[in-house]
C-alpha atoms as a PDB file:
ATOM      1  CA  MET A   1     135.426 223.124  57.111  1.00  0.00           C
ATOM      2  CA  LEU A   2     134.785 226.367  55.096  1.00  0.00           C
ATOM      3  CA  ASP A   3     132.147 224.286  53.201  1.00  0.00           C
ATOM      4  CA  GLN A   4     130.358 222.634  56.665  1.00  0.00           C
ATOM      5  CA  MET A   5     130.237 226.410  57.707  1.00  0.00           C
ATOM      6  CA  HIS A   6     128.753 227.332  54.600  1.00  0.00           C
ATOM      7  CA  ILE A   7     125.685 225.141  54.665  1.00  0.00           C
ATOM      8  CA  PHE A   8     125.352 225.941  58.849  1.00  0.00           C
ATOM      9  CA  ALA A   9     125.386 229.520  58.487  1.00  0.00           C
ATOM     10  CA  THR A  10     122.558 229.189  55.071  1.00  0.00           C
ATOM     11  CA  VAL A  11     120.592 227.407  57.456  1.00  0.00           C
ATOM     12  CA  VAL A  12     120.523 229.976  60.152  1.00  0.00           C
ATOM     13  CA  GLU A  13     120.061 232.583  57.742  1.00  0.00           C
ATOM     14  CA  GLN A  14     117.225 230.820  56.028  1.00  0.00           C
ATOM     15  CA  SER A  15     115.798 229.726  59.235  1.00  0.00           C
ATOM     16  CA  SER A  16     114.566 226.078  57.838  1.00  0.00           C
ATOM     17  CA  LEU A  17     115.721 223.276  56.860  1.00  0.00           C
ATOM     18  CA  ASN A  18     113.745 223.260  54.050  1.00  0.00           C
ATOM     19  CA  LYS A  19     114.663 226.098  52.655  1.00  0.00           C
ATOM     20  CA  ALA A  20     117.999 225.963  53.240  1.00  0.00           C
ATOM     21  CA  SER A  21     117.968 222.713  50.978  1.00  0.00           C
ATOM     22  CA  THR A  22     116.601 224.203  48.354  1.00  0.00           C
ATOM     23  CA  LEU A  23     119.245 226.827  48.412  1.00  0.00           C
ATOM     24  CA  LEU A  24     122.105 224.823  48.267  1.00  0.00           C
ATOM     25  CA  ASN A  25     120.594 222.293  46.271  1.00  0.00           C
ATOM     26  CA  LEU A  26     120.667 219.171  49.029  1.00  0.00           C
ATOM     27  CA  SER A  27     117.706 217.006  49.846  1.00  0.00           C
ATOM     28  CA  GLN A  28     116.542 217.947  52.770  1.00  0.00           C
ATOM     29  CA  PRO A  29     117.656 214.405  54.212  1.00  0.00           C
ATOM     30  CA  ALA A  30     121.186 214.710  52.614  1.00  0.00           C
ATOM     31  CA  LEU A  31     121.516 218.274  54.754  1.00  0.00           C
ATOM     32  CA  SER A  32     119.978 217.190  58.218  1.00  0.00           C
ATOM     33  CA  ARG A  33     123.135 214.470  57.878  1.00  0.00           C
ATOM     34  CA  LYS A  34     125.724 217.412  57.500  1.00  0.00           C
ATOM     35  CA  ILE A  35     124.818 219.304  60.260  1.00  0.00           C
ATOM     36  CA  ALA A  36     124.245 216.597  62.438  1.00  0.00           C
ATOM     37  CA  LYS A  37     127.407 215.188  61.256  1.00  0.00           C
ATOM     38  CA  LEU A  38     129.239 218.834  62.243  1.00  0.00           C
ATOM     39  CA  GLU A  39     127.599 218.914  65.767  1.00  0.00           C
ATOM     40  CA  GLU A  40     129.090 215.550  66.256  1.00  0.00           C
ATOM     41  CA  GLU A  41     132.309 216.708  65.301  1.00  0.00           C
ATOM     42  CA  LEU A  42     131.909 220.191  66.994  1.00  0.00           C
ATOM     43  CA  GLU A  43     130.776 217.880  69.936  1.00  0.00           C
ATOM     44  CA  VAL A  44     128.100 219.948  70.884  1.00  0.00           C
ATOM     45  CA  ALA A  45     124.506 221.104  69.985  1.00  0.00           C
ATOM     46  CA  LEU A  46     123.531 223.805  67.660  1.00  0.00           C
ATOM     47  CA  PHE A  47     120.051 224.378  67.143  1.00  0.00           C
ATOM     48  CA  ARG A  48     117.596 223.690  69.366  1.00  0.00           C
ATOM     49  CA  ARG A  49     113.532 223.157  67.806  1.00  0.00           C
ATOM     50  CA  VAL A  50     110.456 225.210  69.281  1.00  0.00           C
ATOM     51  CA  GLY A  51     107.718 223.992  67.005  1.00  0.00           C
ATOM     52  CA  LYS A  52     108.350 224.276  64.013  1.00  0.00           C
ATOM     53  CA  ARG A  53     111.017 226.795  64.190  1.00  0.00           C
ATOM     54  CA  LEU A  54     114.753 226.223  64.398  1.00  0.00           C
ATOM     55  CA  GLU A  55     116.322 228.320  67.292  1.00  0.00           C
ATOM     56  CA  LEU A  56     120.268 228.718  67.798  1.00  0.00           C
ATOM     57  CA  THR A  57     122.102 227.397  71.017  1.00  0.00           C
ATOM     58  CA  SER A  58     124.741 229.826  72.549  1.00  0.00           C
ATOM     59  CA  ALA A  59     126.936 227.101  70.912  1.00  0.00           C
ATOM     60  CA  GLY A  60     125.281 227.622  67.663  1.00  0.00           C
ATOM     61  CA  GLN A  61     125.589 231.534  68.365  1.00  0.00           C
ATOM     62  CA  LEU A  62     129.053 231.094  68.735  1.00  0.00           C
ATOM     63  CA  THR A  63     129.693 228.935  65.532  1.00  0.00           C
ATOM     64  CA  TYR A  64     127.337 231.461  63.324  1.00  0.00           C
ATOM     65  CA  ALA A  65     129.558 234.156  64.454  1.00  0.00           C
ATOM     66  CA  PHE A  66     132.618 232.146  63.358  1.00  0.00           C
ATOM     67  CA  ALA A  67     131.087 231.441  59.984  1.00  0.00           C
ATOM     68  CA  LYS A  68     130.502 234.506  59.269  1.00  0.00           C
ATOM     69  CA  ASP A  69     134.104 235.672  60.159  1.00  0.00           C
ATOM     70  CA  LEU A  70     135.133 233.187  57.956  1.00  0.00           C
ATOM     71  CA  ARG A  71     132.604 234.069  54.870  1.00  0.00           C
ATOM     72  CA  SER A  72     134.023 237.233  54.853  1.00  0.00           C
ATOM     73  CA  GLY A  73     137.440 236.851  55.419  1.00  0.00           C
ATOM     74  CA  GLN A  74     136.656 234.345  51.935  1.00  0.00           C
ATOM     75  CA  GLN A  75     134.858 237.029  50.236  1.00  0.00           C
ATOM     76  CA  ARG A  76     138.152 239.148  50.665  1.00  0.00           C
ATOM     77  CA  TYR A  77     140.527 236.521  49.722  1.00  0.00           C
ATOM     78  CA  LEU A  78     138.871 236.065  46.537  1.00  0.00           C
ATOM     79  CA  GLN A  79     138.801 239.910  46.162  1.00  0.00           C
ATOM     80  CA  SER A  80     142.300 240.097  46.292  1.00  0.00           C
ATOM     81  CA  LEU A  81     143.112 237.264  44.280  1.00  0.00           C
ATOM     82  CA  ALA A  82     140.948 238.748  41.625  1.00  0.00           C
ATOM     83  CA  GLU A  83     142.701 242.357  41.684  1.00  0.00           C
ATOM     84  CA  TYR A  84     146.050 240.182  41.507  1.00  0.00           C
ATOM     85  CA  ARG A  85     144.788 238.335  38.213  1.00  0.00           C
ATOM     86  CA  HIS A  86     143.803 241.281  37.126  1.00  0.00           C
ATOM     87  CA  THR A  87     146.830 243.443  38.048  1.00  0.00           C
ATOM     88  CA  GLU A  88     149.386 240.745  37.870  1.00  0.00           C
ATOM     89  CA  ARG A  89     152.552 241.635  36.200  1.00  0.00           C
ATOM     90  CA  ARG A  90     154.879 238.927  35.035  1.00  0.00           C
ATOM     91  CA  GLU A  91     158.112 241.658  35.237  1.00  0.00           C
ATOM     92  CA  LEU A  92     160.473 243.475  37.782  1.00  0.00           C
ATOM     93  CA  THR A  93     162.998 245.438  37.989  1.00  0.00           C
ATOM     94  CA  ILE A  94     165.004 245.428  40.985  1.00  0.00           C
ATOM     95  CA  GLY A  95     167.961 247.662  41.580  1.00  0.00           C
ATOM     96  CA  ALA A  96     170.515 247.048  44.044  1.00  0.00           C
ATOM     97  CA  SER A  97     173.665 247.988  45.594  1.00  0.00           C
ATOM     98  CA  LEU A  98     176.679 247.194  44.667  1.00  0.00           C
ATOM     99  CA  THR A  99     177.363 245.415  48.363  1.00  0.00           C
ATOM    100  CA  THR A 100     173.689 243.654  48.039  1.00  0.00           C
ATOM    101  CA  LEU A 101     173.919 242.351  44.636  1.00  0.00           C
ATOM    102  CA  GLN A 102     176.476 240.203  46.115  1.00  0.00           C
ATOM    103  CA  THR A 103     175.255 239.451  50.012  1.00  0.00           C
ATOM    104  CA  THR A 104     171.324 240.094  49.670  1.00  0.00           C
ATOM    105  CA  LEU A 105     169.937 240.256  46.191  1.00  0.00           C
ATOM    106  CA  PRO A 106     170.476 236.638  45.023  1.00  0.00           C
ATOM    107  CA  ASP A 107     167.992 235.284  48.301  1.00  0.00           C
ATOM    108  CA  LEU A 108     165.593 237.659  47.206  1.00  0.00           C
ATOM    109  CA  ILE A 109     165.051 236.870  43.481  1.00  0.00           C
ATOM    110  CA  GLN A 110     164.739 233.475  44.670  1.00  0.00           C
ATOM    111  CA  VAL A 111     162.380 234.033  47.003  1.00  0.00           C
ATOM    112  CA  LEU A 112     160.091 235.764  44.347  1.00  0.00           C
ATOM    113  CA  THR A 113     160.902 233.459  42.052  1.00  0.00           C
ATOM    114  CA  ARG A 114     159.708 230.727  44.349  1.00  0.00           C
ATOM    115  CA  LEU A 115     156.421 232.594  44.736  1.00  0.00           C
ATOM    116  CA  ASN A 116     155.806 232.967  40.661  1.00  0.00           C
ATOM    117  CA  PRO A 117     158.221 231.154  38.476  1.00  0.00           C
ATOM    118  CA  GLU A 118     157.286 232.717  35.724  1.00  0.00           C
ATOM    119  CA  LEU A 119     157.998 235.995  36.915  1.00  0.00           C
ATOM    120  CA  GLU A 120     161.128 237.876  34.851  1.00  0.00           C
ATOM    121  CA  ILE A 121     163.711 239.734  36.553  1.00  0.00           C
ATOM    122  CA  LYS A 122     165.837 242.307  35.895  1.00  0.00           C
ATOM    123  CA  ALA A 123     168.450 243.855  38.037  1.00  0.00           C
ATOM    124  CA  VAL A 124     170.360 247.177  37.786  1.00  0.00           C
ATOM    125  CA  THR A 125     173.193 248.118  39.993  1.00  0.00           C
ATOM    126  CA  GLY A 126     174.987 251.202  40.819  1.00  0.00           C
ATOM    127  CA  LYS A 127     175.200 253.305  44.391  1.00  0.00           C
ATOM    128  CA  THR A 128     173.129 253.913  46.858  1.00  0.00           C
ATOM    129  CA  HIS A 129     172.103 257.426  45.343  1.00  0.00           C
ATOM    130  CA  GLU A 130     171.676 255.601  41.865  1.00  0.00           C
ATOM    131  CA  ILE A 131     169.198 253.449  43.009  1.00  0.00           C
ATOM    132  CA  VAL A 132     167.040 255.602  45.031  1.00  0.00           C
ATOM    133  CA  SER A 133     166.935 257.845  42.386  1.00  0.00           C
ATOM    134  CA  LEU A 134     165.871 254.670  40.007  1.00  0.00           C
ATOM    135  CA  VAL A 135     162.661 253.792  42.346  1.00  0.00           C
ATOM    136  CA  ARG A 136     162.094 257.364  42.736  1.00  0.00           C
ATOM    137  CA  ASP A 137     161.663 257.524  39.272  1.00  0.00           C
ATOM    138  CA  LYS A 138     160.300 254.268  38.965  1.00  0.00           C
ATOM    139  CA  ARG A 139     162.720 253.432  36.918  1.00  0.00           C
ATOM    140  CA  ALA A 140     162.880 250.405  39.142  1.00  0.00           C
ATOM    141  CA  ASP A 141     159.876 248.633  41.143  1.00  0.00           C
ATOM    142  CA  LEU A 142     162.222 247.811  44.297  1.00  0.00           C
ATOM    143  CA  GLY A 143     165.876 248.822  45.158  1.00  0.00           C
ATOM    144  CA  LEU A 144     168.206 246.688  47.556  1.00  0.00           C
ATOM    145  CA  VAL A 145     170.592 249.404  49.619  1.00  0.00           C
ATOM    146  CA  ALA A 146     172.430 249.070  52.546  1.00  0.00           C
ATOM    147  CA  SER A 147     170.911 251.779  54.249  1.00  0.00           C
ATOM    148  CA  ILE A 148     167.855 253.465  55.987  1.00  0.00           C
ATOM    149  CA  ILE A 149     166.282 255.484  53.345  1.00  0.00           C
ATOM    150  CA  ASP A 150     163.972 258.459  54.620  1.00  0.00           C
ATOM    151  CA  GLU A 151     162.112 260.101  51.448  1.00  0.00           C
ATOM    152  CA  SER A 152     158.274 261.046  51.355  1.00  0.00           C
ATOM    153  CA  GLN A 153     157.792 259.393  48.011  1.00  0.00           C
ATOM    154  CA  LEU A 154     159.459 256.200  49.026  1.00  0.00           C
ATOM    155  CA  ALA A 155     158.918 252.806  51.457  1.00  0.00           C
ATOM    156  CA  CYS A 156     161.564 251.438  53.407  1.00  0.00           C
ATOM    157  CA  LEU A 157     161.122 248.025  54.736  1.00  0.00           C
ATOM    158  CA  PRO A 158     164.149 247.323  57.260  1.00  0.00           C
ATOM    159  CA  LEU A 159     165.230 244.097  56.247  1.00  0.00           C
ATOM    160  CA  PHE A 160     168.121 242.979  58.732  1.00  0.00           C
ATOM    161  CA  GLU A 161     171.262 244.604  60.474  1.00  0.00           C
ATOM    162  CA  ASP A 162     174.841 243.791  59.191  1.00  0.00           C
ATOM    163  CA  HIS A 163     178.366 244.084  60.361  1.00  0.00           C
ATOM    164  CA  LEU A 164     181.653 243.890  59.455  1.00  0.00           C
ATOM    165  CA  GLN A 165     183.428 240.248  59.932  1.00  0.00           C
ATOM    166  CA  LEU A 166     187.591 239.609  60.175  1.00  0.00           C
ATOM    167  CA  VAL A 167     188.100 236.626  57.679  1.00  0.00           C
ATOM    168  CA  LEU A 168     191.313 235.224  57.036  1.00  0.00           C
ATOM    169  CA  PRO A 169     193.179 232.214  55.750  1.00  0.00           C
ATOM    170  CA  LYS A 170     193.383 229.410  58.260  1.00  0.00           C
ATOM    171  CA  ASN A 171     197.428 229.624  57.532  1.00  0.00           C
ATOM    172  CA  LEU A 172     197.479 233.334  58.945  1.00  0.00           C
ATOM    173  CA  LEU A 173     197.882 233.776  63.073  1.00  0.00           C
ATOM    174  CA  VAL A 174     197.268 237.658  63.762  1.00  0.00           C
ATOM    175  CA  THR A 175     197.123 237.484  67.530  1.00  0.00           C
ATOM    176  CA  ASP A 176     197.340 234.044  70.001  1.00  0.00           C
ATOM    177  CA  ARG A 177     194.888 236.584  72.201  1.00  0.00           C
ATOM    178  CA  SER A 178     192.038 235.078  72.779  1.00  0.00           C
ATOM    179  CA  VAL A 179     189.716 238.294  72.798  1.00  0.00           C
ATOM    180  CA  PRO A 180     191.695 240.056  69.607  1.00  0.00           C
ATOM    181  CA  GLU A 181     191.668 244.111  69.594  1.00  0.00           C
ATOM    182  CA  ILE A 182     190.748 245.786  66.685  1.00  0.00           C
ATOM    183  CA  SER A 183     194.260 247.146  66.152  1.00  0.00           C
ATOM    184  CA  VAL A 184     195.557 243.466  65.241  1.00  0.00           C
ATOM    185  CA  LEU A 185     194.853 245.254  61.514  1.00  0.00           C
ATOM    186  CA  ASP A 186     197.324 247.742  61.814  1.00  0.00           C
ATOM    187  CA  GLY A 187     200.030 246.260  59.358  1.00  0.00           C
ATOM    188  CA  LEU A 188     197.980 243.495  58.495  1.00  0.00           C
ATOM    189  CA  PRO A 189     198.217 242.299  54.791  1.00  0.00           C
ATOM    190  CA  MET A 190     194.469 242.585  53.385  1.00  0.00           C
ATOM    191  CA  ILE A 191     192.455 242.528  50.195  1.00  0.00           C
ATOM    192  CA  LEU A 192     189.316 245.114  50.077  1.00  0.00           C
ATOM    193  CA  PHE A 193     186.903 245.487  48.033  1.00  0.00           C
ATOM    194  CA  SER A 194     186.994 248.602  45.573  1.00  0.00           C
ATOM    195  CA  LYS A 195     186.116 251.800  46.474  1.00  0.00           C
ATOM    196  CA  GLY A 196     182.062 253.373  45.842  1.00  0.00           C
ATOM    197  CA  THR A 197     180.298 251.073  48.039  1.00  0.00           C
ATOM    198  CA  TRP A 198     178.723 251.831  51.934  1.00  0.00           C
ATOM    199  CA  TYR A 199     180.774 248.668  53.168  1.00  0.00           C
ATOM    200  CA  ARG A 200     184.101 249.808  51.641  1.00  0.00           C
ATOM    201  CA  VAL A 201     183.275 253.597  53.060  1.00  0.00           C
ATOM    202  CA  LEU A 202     182.566 252.015  56.474  1.00  0.00           C
ATOM    203  CA  THR A 203     186.263 249.744  56.189  1.00  0.00           C
ATOM    204  CA  ASP A 204     188.008 253.247  55.718  1.00  0.00           C
ATOM    205  CA  GLU A 205     185.872 255.182  58.405  1.00  0.00           C
ATOM    206  CA  LEU A 206     187.278 252.523  60.968  1.00  0.00           C
ATOM    207  CA  PHE A 207     190.770 252.539  59.527  1.00  0.00           C
ATOM    208  CA  GLN A 208     190.638 256.446  60.327  1.00  0.00           C
ATOM    209  CA  ARG A 209     189.179 256.238  63.805  1.00  0.00           C
ATOM    210  CA  TYR A 210     191.034 253.812  65.138  1.00  0.00           C
ATOM    211  CA  ARG A 211     193.885 254.798  62.988  1.00  0.00           C
ATOM    212  CA  LEU A 212     195.087 251.704  61.548  1.00  0.00           C
ATOM    213  CA  SER A 213     197.012 251.389  58.457  1.00  0.00           C
ATOM    214  CA  PRO A 214     196.575 247.685  57.111  1.00  0.00           C
ATOM    215  CA  ASP A 215     198.673 246.424  54.102  1.00  0.00           C
ATOM    216  CA  VAL A 216     196.381 247.139  51.332  1.00  0.00           C
ATOM    217  CA  ARG A 217     197.759 244.513  48.803  1.00  0.00           C
ATOM    218  CA  MET A 218     194.866 244.407  46.439  1.00  0.00           C
ATOM    219  CA  GLU A 219     191.166 245.982  45.899  1.00  0.00           C
ATOM    220  CA  ILE A 220     188.685 243.894  44.075  1.00  0.00           C
ATOM    221  CA  ASP A 221     184.778 244.433  43.559  1.00  0.00           C
ATOM    222  CA  SER A 222     184.017 240.888  43.598  1.00  0.00           C
ATOM    223  CA  PHE A 223     183.614 238.696  47.282  1.00  0.00           C
ATOM    224  CA  GLU A 224     183.711 235.671  45.540  1.00  0.00           C
ATOM    225  CA  ALA A 225     187.396 237.207  43.959  1.00  0.00           C
ATOM    226  CA  ILE A 226     188.364 237.876  47.710  1.00  0.00           C
ATOM    227  CA  LEU A 227     187.795 234.921  49.093  1.00  0.00           C
ATOM    228  CA  ARG A 228     189.332 232.738  46.420  1.00  0.00           C
ATOM    229  CA  LEU A 229     192.638 234.634  47.149  1.00  0.00           C
ATOM    230  CA  LEU A 230     192.993 235.162  50.784  1.00  0.00           C
ATOM    231  CA  HIS A 231     194.464 231.177  51.055  1.00  0.00           C
ATOM    232  CA  THR A 232     196.855 231.887  48.460  1.00  0.00           C
ATOM    233  CA  CYS A 233     198.117 235.341  49.523  1.00  0.00           C
ATOM    234  CA  ARG A 234     198.014 234.485  53.115  1.00  0.00           C
ATOM    235  CA  ALA A 235     196.158 237.644  53.480  1.00  0.00           C
ATOM    236  CA  ALA A 236     192.718 239.133  55.446  1.00  0.00           C
ATOM    237  CA  THR A 237     189.861 240.911  54.233  1.00  0.00           C
ATOM    238  CA  LEU A 238     186.495 242.816  56.323  1.00  0.00           C
ATOM    239  CA  LEU A 239     183.313 241.160  54.222  1.00  0.00           C
ATOM    240  CA  PRO A 240     179.838 242.022  55.288  1.00  0.00           C
ATOM    241  CA  GLN A 241     178.042 238.858  57.978  1.00  0.00           C
ATOM    242  CA  SER A 242     175.347 238.805  55.568  1.00  0.00           C
ATOM    243  CA  TYR A 243     177.422 237.251  52.598  1.00  0.00           C
ATOM    244  CA  LEU A 244     179.608 234.584  54.969  1.00  0.00           C
ATOM    245  CA  ARG A 245     177.903 231.432  55.120  1.00  0.00           C
ATOM    246  CA  ALA A 246     179.926 228.164  56.920  1.00  0.00           C
ATOM    247  CA  GLN A 247     180.259 226.392  53.755  1.00  0.00           C
ATOM    248  CA  LEU A 248     181.757 228.991  51.592  1.00  0.00           C
ATOM    249  CA  LEU A 249     184.419 229.620  54.426  1.00  0.00           C
ATOM    250  CA  GLU A 250     184.972 226.073  54.784  1.00  0.00           C
ATOM    251  CA  ASP A 251     185.378 225.744  51.027  1.00  0.00           C
ATOM    252  CA  ASN A 252     187.631 228.310  51.108  1.00  0.00           C
ATOM    253  CA  GLU A 253     189.674 227.198  53.990  1.00  0.00           C
ATOM    254  CA  LEU A 254     188.941 230.306  55.529  1.00  0.00           C
ATOM    255  CA  THR A 255     187.949 231.016  59.204  1.00  0.00           C
ATOM    256  CA  LEU A 256     186.380 234.535  61.242  1.00  0.00           C
ATOM    257  CA  LEU A 257     188.539 236.285  64.335  1.00  0.00           C
ATOM    258  CA  PRO A 258     185.341 238.203  65.473  1.00  0.00           C
ATOM    259  CA  ILE A 259     186.445 241.854  66.862  1.00  0.00           C
ATOM    260  CA  ARG A 260     184.075 243.570  69.626  1.00  0.00           C
ATOM    261  CA  GLU A 261     184.606 247.133  67.586  1.00  0.00           C
ATOM    262  CA  LEU A 262     183.493 245.535  63.799  1.00  0.00           C
ATOM    263  CA  ALA A 263     180.451 243.821  65.525  1.00  0.00           C
ATOM    264  CA  GLN A 264     179.840 247.922  66.388  1.00  0.00           C
ATOM    265  CA  ALA A 265     179.779 249.382  63.522  1.00  0.00           C
ATOM    266  CA  ARG A 266     176.504 248.457  62.205  1.00  0.00           C
ATOM    267  CA  ARG A 267     174.360 248.947  58.693  1.00  0.00           C
ATOM    268  CA  THR A 268     170.850 247.653  57.931  1.00  0.00           C
ATOM    269  CA  THR A 269     170.021 246.716  54.838  1.00  0.00           C
ATOM    270  CA  THR A 270     166.709 247.933  53.265  1.00  0.00           C
ATOM    271  CA  LEU A 271     164.128 247.374  50.469  1.00  0.00           C
ATOM    272  CA  ILE A 272     162.936 250.125  49.236  1.00  0.00           C
ATOM    273  CA  TYR A 273     159.708 251.269  46.943  1.00  0.00           C
ATOM    274  CA  SER A 274     157.566 253.980  45.645  1.00  0.00           C
ATOM    275  CA  LEU A 275     154.452 254.518  47.673  1.00  0.00           C
ATOM    276  CA  ASP A 276     152.822 255.267  43.961  1.00  0.00           C
ATOM    277  CA  ASP A 277     152.263 252.076  43.479  1.00  0.00           C
ATOM    278  CA  GLN A 278     148.380 251.629  42.653  1.00  0.00           C
ATOM    279  CA  PRO A 279     148.497 250.322  39.571  1.00  0.00           C
ATOM    280  CA  TYR A 280     150.710 247.108  40.776  1.00  0.00           C
ATOM    281  CA  SER A 281     148.976 246.984  44.413  1.00  0.00           C
ATOM    282  CA  ALA A 282     148.345 243.484  44.744  1.00  0.00           C
ATOM    283  CA  SER A 283     151.553 242.170  43.292  1.00  0.00           C
ATOM    284  CA  MET A 284     153.366 244.597  45.426  1.00  0.00           C
ATOM    285  CA  ARG A 285     151.656 243.247  48.738  1.00  0.00           C
ATOM    286  CA  LEU A 286     152.401 240.264  47.686  1.00  0.00           C
ATOM    287  CA  TRP A 287     156.245 240.283  46.795  1.00  0.00           C
ATOM    288  CA  LEU A 288     155.991 242.385  50.147  1.00  0.00           C
ATOM    289  CA  GLU A 289     155.043 239.768  52.441  1.00  0.00           C
ATOM    290  CA  ALA A 290     157.073 236.850  50.815  1.00  0.00           C
ATOM    291  CA  ILE A 291     159.866 239.157  51.569  1.00  0.00           C
ATOM    292  CA  LYS A 292     159.066 240.192  54.893  1.00  0.00           C
ATOM    293  CA  SER A 293     158.110 236.555  56.325  1.00  0.00           C
ATOM    294  CA  HIS A 294     161.720 235.353  54.155  1.00  0.00           C
ATOM    295  CA  PHE A 295     164.272 237.519  56.072  1.00  0.00           C
ATOM    296  CA  THR A 296     162.441 237.281  59.560  1.00  0.00           C
ATOM    297  CA  ASP A 297     162.985 233.494  59.193  1.00  0.00           C
ATOM    298  CA  GLU A 298     166.617 234.649  58.518  1.00  0.00           C
ATOM    299  CA  ARG A 299     166.745 236.102  61.527  1.00  0.00           C
ATOM    300  CA  ASP A 300     165.356 234.048  63.659  1.00  0.00           C
ATOM    301  CA  SER A 301     167.390 231.196  62.922  1.00  0.00           C
ATOM    302  CA  ARG A 302     170.699 233.151  63.199  1.00  0.00           C
END
């Protein structure tokens, strides 16, 4: 279609099959056949002859407008591609907060390496304010944090909303109520994530708000280790929804117990980057579009 529209637009602009054939390096009979084939495919007449001149029909005028739009779009694409090739980056540093390191960073890396398999990605971790500083000071290109960041120097792209879920082994019965209340956490044996992340802060805030005192058996800084220990220790935990895959729960003989108050305690995971990233703008645009598309699809599929 692109080649056909280019040929058609050239004929229109030259107002002559003879001139257009010379410009396109085609014989006039070959050019006439291409135009006739295009009219056949579109099922409309594009030209009418007025003496020796070619004039556009109404359908031809509409098609010429489309051909010009197509040409402009192609030129913009080629310009962006040239800019990308000129500024394409082979290395990328991502700063991830401790929670997003385990919940979201693997998906993010998969998206980026699918886009550019040769991209070398370095990840640095820290608390949210440390990740913000890394991006602000351009020691990290992207930052992945579980909160909305409002800074004039940074752009903040929301990826998805997250909330806590009560996870427990299938051999641990904590209530026989069909609609459990958050009070089931009071005195419940639990393994929690180590202090220092939004997730643990949110957990402790919930305990304080509802005056709960769970029986905290362990504090560990690995979600995977927590899940592996729950069944053996007959303990429960609170983990972000974004981390919990059906297969992960099945492999560890775990189940979820939905609690209304937990679902209402939400945080937004976001991607942050510097607004002053002109040297790498083409690469950055491609990265951001791919990331945004991935997480939009993920959100829509839930």
